[in-house]
Protein backbone atom coordinates (compact mmCIF):
# COMPACT_ATOMS: atom_id res chain seq x y z
CA MET A 1 -2.68 103.16 -24.56
CA THR A 2 -5.84 101.62 -23.12
CA ALA A 3 -7.14 98.20 -24.09
CA MET A 4 -9.87 98.14 -26.70
CA PRO A 5 -13.31 97.03 -25.50
CA PRO A 6 -14.47 93.61 -26.65
CA ALA A 7 -15.93 93.42 -30.13
CA ASP A 8 -19.51 94.63 -30.33
CA THR A 9 -21.35 91.41 -31.15
CA THR A 10 -24.41 93.27 -32.40
CA VAL A 11 -22.32 95.08 -35.03
CA ILE A 12 -20.63 91.84 -36.05
CA GLN A 13 -23.92 89.95 -36.17
CA ARG A 14 -25.53 92.73 -38.22
CA LEU A 15 -22.62 92.69 -40.67
CA ARG A 16 -22.76 88.91 -41.04
CA GLU A 17 -26.47 89.08 -41.89
CA LEU A 18 -26.04 91.63 -44.69
CA PRO A 19 -25.70 90.67 -48.36
CA ARG A 20 -22.07 90.44 -49.54
CA THR A 21 -22.14 93.82 -51.37
CA GLU A 22 -23.50 95.62 -48.32
CA ILE A 23 -20.93 93.93 -46.09
CA ALA A 24 -18.21 95.27 -48.38
CA ASP A 25 -19.65 98.81 -48.23
CA GLU A 26 -19.84 98.75 -44.42
CA ILE A 27 -16.34 97.31 -44.07
CA GLU A 28 -14.91 99.84 -46.51
CA THR A 29 -16.29 102.63 -44.34
CA LEU A 30 -14.72 101.09 -41.21
CA VAL A 31 -11.38 100.38 -42.90
CA LEU A 32 -11.15 103.86 -44.44
CA ARG A 33 -11.86 105.42 -41.05
CA LYS A 34 -9.04 103.38 -39.45
CA PHE A 35 -6.55 104.18 -42.22
CA LYS A 36 -7.38 107.90 -42.19
CA THR A 37 -6.93 108.05 -38.42
CA VAL A 38 -3.54 106.35 -38.57
CA LEU A 39 -2.43 108.47 -41.54
CA LEU A 40 -3.59 111.63 -39.70
CA MET A 41 -6.02 112.48 -42.48
CA ASP A 42 -9.15 114.53 -42.06
CA GLU A 43 -12.42 112.61 -42.42
CA SER A 44 -13.30 114.70 -45.50
CA GLU A 45 -10.05 113.86 -47.33
CA ASP A 46 -10.14 111.22 -50.04
CA LEU A 47 -8.05 108.11 -49.49
CA PRO A 48 -7.40 106.23 -52.74
CA VAL A 49 -8.52 102.62 -52.27
CA ASP A 50 -6.55 101.21 -55.23
CA ILE A 51 -3.09 102.50 -54.28
CA SER A 52 -0.78 100.45 -52.07
CA TYR A 53 -1.04 101.70 -48.51
CA PHE A 54 2.75 101.67 -48.35
CA ASP A 55 2.78 104.21 -51.20
CA LEU A 56 0.42 106.32 -49.09
CA GLY A 57 3.06 106.45 -46.35
CA LEU A 58 1.84 103.69 -44.05
CA THR A 59 4.55 101.80 -42.15
CA SER A 60 4.40 98.13 -41.20
CA LEU A 61 4.11 99.19 -37.54
CA ARG A 62 1.03 101.33 -38.26
CA LEU A 63 -0.39 98.55 -40.44
CA THR A 64 -0.07 96.16 -37.50
CA GLU A 65 -1.96 98.69 -35.36
CA ILE A 66 -4.77 98.79 -37.96
CA ARG A 67 -4.83 94.98 -38.19
CA GLN A 68 -5.20 94.60 -34.42
CA SER A 69 -7.96 97.21 -34.33
CA LEU A 70 -9.87 95.53 -37.19
CA GLU A 71 -9.45 92.11 -35.57
CA GLN A 72 -11.09 93.38 -32.41
CA LEU A 73 -13.78 95.33 -34.21
CA LEU A 74 -14.75 92.52 -36.58
CA ASP A 75 -13.95 89.59 -34.27
CA LEU A 76 -11.73 88.08 -36.96
CA SER A 77 -8.18 86.83 -36.97
CA ILE A 78 -6.32 88.56 -39.80
CA ASN A 79 -3.09 86.86 -40.85
CA VAL A 80 -0.36 89.46 -41.24
CA ASN A 81 0.46 88.02 -44.69
CA VAL A 82 -2.96 89.21 -45.88
CA LEU A 83 -1.88 92.80 -45.34
CA PHE A 84 1.15 92.33 -47.55
CA ASN A 85 -0.64 90.14 -50.14
CA GLU A 86 -3.63 92.53 -50.25
CA PRO A 87 -1.74 95.85 -50.23
CA THR A 88 -4.62 98.18 -51.06
CA VAL A 89 -7.67 99.20 -49.08
CA ALA A 90 -9.91 97.77 -51.83
CA GLN A 91 -8.20 94.36 -51.69
CA LEU A 92 -8.27 94.31 -47.90
CA VAL A 93 -11.98 95.19 -47.90
CA ASP A 94 -12.68 92.34 -50.34
CA TYR A 95 -10.76 89.93 -48.14
CA LEU A 96 -12.58 91.03 -44.97
CA ALA A 97 -15.99 91.00 -46.68
CA ASP A 98 -15.35 87.45 -47.89
CA ALA A 99 -14.25 86.42 -44.40
CA LEU A 100 -17.38 87.88 -42.81
CA SER A 101 -19.80 86.61 -45.44
CA THR A 102 -18.47 83.04 -45.23
CA PRO A 103 -20.27 81.16 -42.46
CA SER A 104 -17.95 80.04 -39.67
CA ALA A 105 -17.57 76.32 -39.28
């Protein structure tokens, strides 16, 4: 497996400048794309955002893969506990949107 390229700062900067609701929409699109890829789903298939991703068949190993990918893409550190405390795509998107919309200190 090849190393991921560094996070695209223009994408991150653009996301950080959007209103909170638009950040959530953009992140949901990114997160759904990652989950569908890992779950071997077609882009046109619906992925329920309010069902635990473990109930959808995701393993903790695959979840770690998604977390690492999102960390690189969004230039955020995502504590692994978040994935278990926020076990749906909708909850994860809310967490990430909050993290991106809160100015860094």
